[in-house]
Amino acid sequence: MPFRPRYTGLIERYRDRLPVSDDTKLISLGEGNTPLLKLNNIPKVLGKDVEIYVKYEGLNPTGSFKDRGMTMAVTKAVEEGSKAIICASTGNTSAAAAAYAARAGIKAFVLIPEGKIALGKLAQGMMHGATVIQIKGNFDEGMQLVKDVAEHAPVTIVNSINPYRLQGQKTAAFEIVEELGFAPDFHCLPVGNAGNITAHWMGYSEYFDDGIIDARPKMLGFQAAGSAPFMRGHMVDNPETVATAIRIGHPQSWDKAWKVKEESEGWFDECSDEQILAAQKLLAEHEGIFCEPASATSLAGAINELNAGKIPEGSKIVCTLTGHGLKDPDTAIKQSTSPLVTVDATLDAVRDAILNNIAD
């Protein structure tokens, strides 16, 4: 059997494409190398002749794509002598920052909007030992506070304004190309702060410039209708959506994302909360893939564009699923229609419950 090298994380795997040296101490939890899964059933349900793949970033160590950027941000923070990191978060960034800070042996401070964060994400930050500061405001207010605090305290910001975050996140595009052997025709992503769509374009562009791929995908960014500054053409002060991870009205990568749209000849669009939840349920029930609501925005958007004829049949599409469904179990349970049956602990009762359900 031929030997296959085992990479301990994405920095080790892509060291020659990342801003690290041979002496850099890597802070890693074995992130990256997430599955690229071809959807077998949903195209049939839709009645569309397309290939749809999902990049399941929810299988990163803390359950979201944020780990890709955080391994780089924390590695560089430690290399530069930082003893503490700080971020504003709708949940996933705080979980990743707390975990990687714990791994590095440094302190993490996270600002989250009170009552606006899924409990799975809050639990992660607290369990990893971060100092969690709830503010009576939204993410955008928290982000401004983080910027202000960093001017007065010895902390390193690890939100996506940190350039090393995008360096780490671009590796998802490398993995997609290596798995498929080419770049997809369209790449669909949820858009909140817009760092991820920017990072993916960086990755595809590097491989294109090096002649590894012959063409780059059209980049499609999808927002929740109640939190869609790219669709409004201006910042949104009070964003609202069930997709808490993209409940952001003032994207930090605003200019970069517009540039990606133009260079890739892609576009932005929006999905209703109902469409987002329907796509989440479709993935779970027809493909066995459980993602959080914000993640499903990429598939909801792809479905909308297919139905509108903006994505032609015969296309190869990749949808990024940014976070695992267990990040927000409450929302999943609320919309689930699967029966929860309570019976006596007897053979007859259990048998009848099974037979009745089969008959239905």
Protein backbone atom coordinates (compact mmCIF):
# COMPACT_ATOMS: atom_id res chain seq x y z
CA MET A 1 0.00 0.00 0.00
CA PRO A 2 1.53 3.38 -0.99
CA PHE A 3 2.30 5.83 1.80
CA ARG A 4 0.01 8.84 1.99
CA PRO A 5 1.31 11.79 4.02
CA ARG A 6 -0.98 12.85 6.84
CA TYR A 7 -1.44 16.58 7.18
CA THR A 8 -2.25 17.91 10.63
CA GLY A 9 -4.01 21.00 9.34
CA LEU A 10 -4.37 23.29 6.37
CA ILE A 11 -1.29 25.43 7.10
CA GLU A 12 0.94 22.36 7.01
CA ARG A 13 -0.74 21.19 3.80
CA TYR A 14 -0.52 24.53 2.01
CA ARG A 15 2.53 25.99 3.73
CA ASP A 16 4.04 27.13 0.41
CA ARG A 17 0.91 29.18 -0.36
CA LEU A 18 0.52 30.83 3.04
CA PRO A 19 2.50 33.59 4.78
CA VAL A 20 4.37 31.37 7.23
CA SER A 21 8.02 30.35 7.54
CA ASP A 22 9.66 27.07 8.43
CA ASP A 23 10.08 28.38 11.98
CA THR A 24 6.46 29.46 12.47
CA LYS A 25 4.75 27.61 15.32
CA LEU A 26 1.47 26.36 13.89
CA ILE A 27 -1.69 26.62 15.99
CA SER A 28 -3.91 23.92 14.53
CA LEU A 29 -6.80 21.64 15.42
CA GLY A 30 -6.55 19.60 12.22
CA GLU A 31 -8.89 21.88 10.26
CA GLY A 32 -9.56 21.68 6.53
CA ASN A 33 -9.87 18.66 4.23
CA THR A 34 -13.66 18.81 4.59
CA PRO A 35 -15.92 16.67 2.37
CA LEU A 36 -17.08 17.80 -1.05
CA LEU A 37 -20.31 15.87 -1.48
CA LYS A 38 -22.24 15.47 -4.72
CA LEU A 39 -25.97 15.77 -4.16
CA ASN A 40 -27.60 12.61 -5.45
CA ASN A 41 -31.28 13.26 -4.77
CA ILE A 42 -31.99 16.98 -4.71
CA PRO A 43 -31.39 17.56 -8.46
CA LYS A 44 -33.99 14.85 -9.10
CA VAL A 45 -36.41 16.52 -6.68
CA LEU A 46 -35.85 19.81 -8.50
CA GLY A 47 -36.14 18.16 -11.91
CA LYS A 48 -32.89 19.80 -13.02
CA ASP A 49 -30.04 18.33 -15.06
CA VAL A 50 -27.20 19.80 -13.01
CA GLU A 51 -24.34 18.63 -10.83
CA ILE A 52 -24.52 20.19 -7.38
CA TYR A 53 -21.73 19.66 -4.87
CA VAL A 54 -21.70 20.92 -1.29
CA LYS A 55 -18.51 21.76 0.55
CA TYR A 56 -19.42 20.66 4.08
CA GLU A 57 -17.45 23.09 6.21
CA GLY A 58 -19.49 22.11 9.25
CA LEU A 59 -17.08 19.21 9.70
CA ASN A 60 -14.22 21.49 10.71
CA PRO A 61 -13.11 21.13 14.37
CA THR A 62 -15.44 23.76 15.84
CA GLY A 63 -18.17 23.08 13.28
CA SER A 64 -17.72 25.94 10.81
CA PHE A 65 -15.52 27.37 8.06
CA LYS A 66 -14.20 29.95 10.53
CA ASP A 67 -11.55 27.46 11.62
CA ARG A 68 -9.77 27.88 8.28
CA GLY A 69 -9.14 31.53 8.93
CA MET A 70 -8.68 31.22 12.66
CA THR A 71 -5.77 28.79 12.45
CA MET A 72 -3.90 31.39 10.38
CA ALA A 73 -5.00 34.42 12.45
CA VAL A 74 -4.02 32.85 15.77
CA THR A 75 -0.81 31.35 14.39
CA LYS A 76 0.31 34.79 13.22
CA ALA A 77 -0.88 36.49 16.42
CA VAL A 78 1.27 34.12 18.48
CA GLU A 79 4.19 34.55 16.10
CA GLU A 80 3.96 38.31 16.57
CA GLY A 81 3.92 37.95 20.36
CA SER A 82 0.24 38.59 21.08
CA LYS A 83 -1.12 37.28 24.40
CA ALA A 84 -4.80 37.93 23.66
CA ILE A 85 -7.22 38.00 20.74
CA ILE A 86 -10.60 39.68 20.35
CA CYS A 87 -13.53 39.40 17.96
CA ALA A 88 -17.12 40.42 17.46
CA SER A 89 -19.30 37.51 16.47
CA THR A 90 -22.72 36.18 15.59
CA GLY A 91 -21.44 32.89 17.03
CA ASN A 92 -19.13 30.91 14.77
CA THR A 93 -16.19 33.28 14.93
CA SER A 94 -16.41 33.36 18.73
CA ALA A 95 -16.39 29.56 18.88
CA ALA A 96 -13.36 29.31 16.61
CA ALA A 97 -11.48 32.14 18.31
CA ALA A 98 -12.06 30.62 21.75
CA ALA A 99 -10.93 27.16 20.65
CA TYR A 100 -7.77 28.27 18.87
CA ALA A 101 -6.86 30.65 21.71
CA ALA A 102 -7.18 27.75 24.12
CA ARG A 103 -4.98 25.66 21.85
CA ALA A 104 -2.39 28.45 21.76
CA GLY A 105 -2.53 29.13 25.49
CA ILE A 106 -3.59 32.75 25.09
CA LYS A 107 -6.70 34.70 26.13
CA ALA A 108 -9.79 35.24 23.97
CA PHE A 109 -12.35 38.02 24.35
CA VAL A 110 -15.54 37.77 22.30
CA LEU A 111 -18.34 40.30 21.90
CA ILE A 112 -21.72 38.87 20.98
CA PRO A 113 -25.18 40.44 20.55
CA GLU A 114 -27.32 39.62 23.58
CA GLY A 115 -30.12 37.17 22.75
CA LYS A 116 -29.07 36.98 19.09
CA ILE A 117 -26.73 34.00 19.15
CA ALA A 118 -27.61 30.33 18.77
CA LEU A 119 -27.02 28.42 22.00
CA GLY A 120 -24.72 25.84 20.42
CA LYS A 121 -22.29 28.61 19.50
CA LEU A 122 -22.55 30.36 22.86
CA ALA A 123 -21.79 27.08 24.61
CA GLN A 124 -18.63 26.62 22.57
CA GLY A 125 -17.17 29.99 23.44
CA MET A 126 -17.90 29.53 27.12
CA MET A 127 -16.57 25.96 27.30
CA HIS A 128 -13.32 26.97 25.63
CA GLY A 129 -12.74 29.54 28.36
CA ALA A 130 -13.19 32.79 26.45
CA THR A 131 -14.35 35.93 28.19
CA VAL A 132 -17.78 36.36 26.61
CA ILE A 133 -19.12 39.91 26.64
CA GLN A 134 -22.76 40.30 25.64
CA ILE A 135 -23.68 43.72 24.30
CA LYS A 136 -27.13 45.23 24.06
CA GLY A 137 -26.74 45.79 20.36
CA ASN A 138 -26.14 43.93 17.10
CA PHE A 139 -23.03 42.47 15.47
CA ASP A 140 -22.21 45.65 13.58
CA GLU A 141 -22.11 47.67 16.80
CA GLY A 142 -19.96 44.96 18.35
CA MET A 143 -17.54 45.09 15.43
CA GLN A 144 -17.08 48.83 15.83
CA LEU A 145 -16.46 48.38 19.55
CA VAL A 146 -13.82 45.73 18.83
CA LYS A 147 -12.01 48.13 16.49
CA ASP A 148 -12.17 50.88 19.10
CA VAL A 149 -11.00 48.66 21.97
CA ALA A 150 -8.05 47.34 19.95
CA GLU A 151 -6.69 50.90 19.82
CA HIS A 152 -6.53 51.00 23.62
CA ALA A 153 -5.80 47.41 24.68
CA PRO A 154 -3.06 44.89 23.75
CA VAL A 155 -5.32 42.53 21.79
CA THR A 156 -5.22 41.22 18.21
CA ILE A 157 -8.45 41.41 16.19
CA VAL A 158 -9.26 38.08 14.56
CA ASN A 159 -12.36 39.05 12.61
CA SER A 160 -12.14 38.88 8.81
CA ILE A 161 -10.58 42.37 8.70
CA ASN A 162 -7.49 40.45 9.80
CA PRO A 163 -5.83 39.64 6.44
CA TYR A 164 -4.56 36.28 7.70
CA ARG A 165 -8.16 35.10 8.10
CA LEU A 166 -8.73 35.33 4.35
CA GLN A 167 -5.42 33.61 3.67
CA GLY A 168 -6.60 30.60 5.63
CA GLN A 169 -10.08 30.60 4.14
CA LYS A 170 -8.82 30.64 0.54
CA THR A 171 -7.67 27.04 1.02
CA ALA A 172 -11.25 25.82 0.63
CA ALA A 173 -11.04 26.76 -3.04
CA PHE A 174 -7.79 24.77 -3.36
CA GLU A 175 -9.49 21.69 -1.93
CA ILE A 176 -12.47 22.00 -4.26
CA VAL A 177 -10.25 22.19 -7.34
CA GLU A 178 -8.14 19.26 -6.16
CA GLU A 179 -11.23 17.13 -5.52
CA LEU A 180 -13.03 17.94 -8.78
CA GLY A 181 -9.99 18.32 -11.00
CA PHE A 182 -11.40 21.65 -12.24
CA ALA A 183 -13.21 24.74 -10.98
CA PRO A 184 -17.03 24.67 -10.96
CA ASP A 185 -19.07 26.85 -13.28
CA PHE A 186 -20.75 28.54 -10.34
CA HIS A 187 -19.78 28.80 -6.68
CA CYS A 188 -22.60 29.78 -4.32
CA LEU A 189 -21.93 31.14 -0.83
CA PRO A 190 -23.87 32.72 2.02
CA VAL A 191 -22.79 36.33 2.52
CA GLY A 192 -22.60 38.09 5.88
CA ASN A 193 -19.34 39.96 6.35
CA ALA A 194 -18.38 38.87 2.80
CA GLY A 195 -14.91 37.69 3.80
CA ASN A 196 -15.55 34.13 2.66
CA ILE A 197 -16.59 34.94 -0.90
CA THR A 198 -13.54 37.18 -1.09
CA ALA A 199 -11.24 34.43 0.21
CA HIS A 200 -12.59 31.79 -2.18
CA TRP A 201 -11.96 34.10 -5.12
CA MET A 202 -8.40 34.59 -3.90
CA GLY A 203 -7.90 30.83 -3.88
CA TYR A 204 -9.39 30.24 -7.32
CA SER A 205 -7.38 33.15 -8.72
CA GLU A 206 -4.10 31.77 -7.38
CA TYR A 207 -4.71 28.42 -9.05
CA PHE A 208 -5.81 30.17 -12.26
CA ASP A 209 -2.72 32.39 -12.34
CA ASP A 210 -0.51 29.33 -11.80
CA GLY A 211 -2.19 27.47 -14.67
CA ILE A 212 -3.71 24.80 -12.41
CA ILE A 213 -7.21 25.62 -13.70
CA ASP A 214 -8.25 27.03 -17.08
CA ALA A 215 -11.20 29.07 -15.81
CA ARG A 216 -12.59 30.50 -12.60
CA PRO A 217 -16.20 30.15 -11.44
CA LYS A 218 -18.85 32.82 -11.38
CA MET A 219 -19.14 33.74 -7.70
CA LEU A 220 -22.73 34.04 -6.42
CA GLY A 221 -23.31 35.57 -3.01
CA PHE A 222 -26.65 35.07 -1.28
CA GLN A 223 -28.02 37.06 1.63
CA ALA A 224 -31.09 36.73 3.81
CA ALA A 225 -33.80 39.15 2.67
CA GLY A 226 -33.91 40.86 6.06
CA SER A 227 -30.15 41.31 6.08
CA ALA A 228 -29.16 42.11 2.50
CA PRO A 229 -27.03 45.25 2.19
CA PHE A 230 -25.54 44.07 -1.12
CA MET A 231 -29.03 43.89 -2.57
CA ARG A 232 -30.03 47.27 -1.13
CA GLY A 233 -26.83 48.92 -2.33
CA HIS A 234 -26.16 50.36 1.11
CA MET A 235 -25.58 49.29 4.70
CA VAL A 236 -28.53 47.98 6.74
CA ASP A 237 -28.72 49.22 10.32
CA ASN A 238 -31.08 46.68 11.85
CA PRO A 239 -30.71 43.37 10.01
CA GLU A 240 -33.03 40.50 10.92
CA THR A 241 -33.09 36.86 9.81
CA VAL A 242 -33.41 33.38 11.25
CA ALA A 243 -29.98 32.74 9.69
CA THR A 244 -28.10 34.27 12.61
CA ALA A 245 -24.62 33.69 11.15
CA ILE A 246 -25.33 36.18 8.33
CA ARG A 247 -27.37 38.67 10.36
CA ILE A 248 -24.90 41.41 9.46
CA GLY A 249 -25.85 44.77 7.97
CA HIS A 250 -22.41 46.37 7.66
CA PRO A 251 -20.13 43.86 5.87
CA GLN A 252 -16.46 44.38 6.65
CA SER A 253 -15.37 43.14 3.19
CA TRP A 254 -17.84 45.37 1.33
CA ASP A 255 -15.48 46.73 -1.31
CA LYS A 256 -13.65 43.43 -1.78
CA ALA A 257 -16.91 41.56 -2.37
CA TRP A 258 -18.11 44.02 -5.01
CA LYS A 259 -14.77 43.53 -6.75
CA VAL A 260 -15.24 39.74 -6.68
CA LYS A 261 -18.68 40.14 -8.23
CA GLU A 262 -17.28 42.21 -11.09
CA GLU A 263 -14.15 40.13 -11.73
CA SER A 264 -16.01 36.79 -11.66
CA GLU A 265 -19.03 38.10 -13.63
CA GLY A 266 -21.17 36.81 -10.79
CA TRP A 267 -23.92 38.44 -8.79
CA PHE A 268 -25.64 38.84 -5.43
CA ASP A 269 -29.19 37.80 -4.63
CA GLU A 270 -31.39 37.27 -1.60
CA CYS A 271 -33.47 34.48 -0.09
CA SER A 272 -36.40 34.66 2.29
CA ASP A 273 -36.15 32.98 5.67
CA GLU A 274 -38.75 30.50 4.45
CA GLN A 275 -36.59 29.55 1.46
CA ILE A 276 -33.51 29.21 3.67
CA LEU A 277 -35.26 26.89 6.12
CA ALA A 278 -36.77 24.86 3.28
CA ALA A 279 -33.30 24.32 1.81
CA GLN A 280 -31.94 23.31 5.22
CA LYS A 281 -34.70 20.73 5.55
CA LEU A 282 -34.23 19.54 1.96
CA LEU A 283 -30.57 18.80 2.60
CA ALA A 284 -31.28 16.96 5.82
CA GLU A 285 -34.20 14.86 4.57
CA HIS A 286 -32.98 14.05 1.05
CA GLU A 287 -29.19 13.95 1.41
CA GLY A 288 -28.52 13.28 5.09
CA ILE A 289 -26.57 16.54 5.42
CA PHE A 290 -27.35 18.71 8.45
CA CYS A 291 -26.24 22.33 8.24
CA GLU A 292 -27.23 25.48 10.10
CA PRO A 293 -29.72 27.89 8.46
CA ALA A 294 -27.13 30.39 7.18
CA SER A 295 -25.31 27.56 5.41
CA ALA A 296 -28.44 26.54 3.56
CA THR A 297 -28.66 30.02 2.05
CA SER A 298 -26.16 28.93 -0.59
CA LEU A 299 -28.37 26.05 -1.74
CA ALA A 300 -31.56 28.13 -1.44
CA GLY A 301 -29.95 30.71 -3.68
CA ALA A 302 -28.78 28.11 -6.19
CA ILE A 303 -32.31 26.68 -6.37
CA ASN A 304 -33.77 30.15 -6.97
CA GLU A 305 -31.30 30.85 -9.77
CA LEU A 306 -31.91 27.47 -11.37
CA ASN A 307 -35.66 28.01 -11.30
CA ALA A 308 -35.21 31.49 -12.77
CA GLY A 309 -32.95 30.15 -15.53
CA LYS A 310 -30.01 32.30 -14.41
CA ILE A 311 -27.97 29.15 -13.83
CA PRO A 312 -28.38 26.99 -16.95
CA GLU A 313 -28.94 23.26 -16.84
CA GLY A 314 -25.81 21.22 -17.37
CA SER A 315 -23.89 23.45 -14.99
CA LYS A 316 -21.53 22.27 -12.28
CA ILE A 317 -22.27 24.09 -9.03
CA VAL A 318 -20.56 24.14 -5.66
CA CYS A 319 -22.45 25.40 -2.62
CA THR A 320 -20.52 26.15 0.55
CA LEU A 321 -22.23 24.92 3.71
CA THR A 322 -20.56 27.13 6.28
CA GLY A 323 -21.64 25.53 9.58
CA HIS A 324 -22.99 22.35 11.15
CA GLY A 325 -26.68 22.03 11.98
CA LEU A 326 -25.94 21.37 15.66
CA LYS A 327 -24.86 25.00 15.95
CA ASP A 328 -28.56 25.92 16.09
CA PRO A 329 -30.58 22.90 17.25
CA ASP A 330 -33.55 24.98 18.42
CA THR A 331 -34.33 26.23 14.92
CA ALA A 332 -33.99 22.72 13.51
CA ILE A 333 -36.34 21.20 16.06
CA LYS A 334 -38.94 23.93 15.55
CA GLN A 335 -39.28 23.21 11.85
CA SER A 336 -38.92 19.45 11.99
CA THR A 337 -41.98 17.40 11.03
CA SER A 338 -40.47 14.06 11.99
CA PRO A 339 -42.75 12.28 14.46
CA LEU A 340 -41.73 12.16 18.11
CA VAL A 341 -43.74 9.27 19.49
CA THR A 342 -44.03 8.38 23.18
CA VAL A 343 -45.27 4.86 24.04
CA ASP A 344 -45.15 2.39 26.89
CA ALA A 345 -41.97 0.33 27.24
CA THR A 346 -43.58 -2.83 25.87
CA LEU A 347 -43.05 -4.88 22.74
CA ASP A 348 -46.64 -4.41 21.61
CA ALA A 349 -46.50 -0.62 21.97
CA VAL A 350 -43.21 -0.27 20.11
CA ARG A 351 -44.28 -2.72 17.39
CA ASP A 352 -47.58 -0.87 16.86
CA ALA A 353 -45.81 2.47 16.66
CA ILE A 354 -43.51 1.13 13.95
CA LEU A 355 -46.24 -0.62 11.98
CA ASN A 356 -48.56 2.39 12.16
CA ASN A 357 -45.79 4.66 10.89
CA ILE A 358 -44.96 2.26 8.03
CA ALA A 359 -48.64 2.17 7.08
CA ASP A 360 -48.76 5.99 7.00
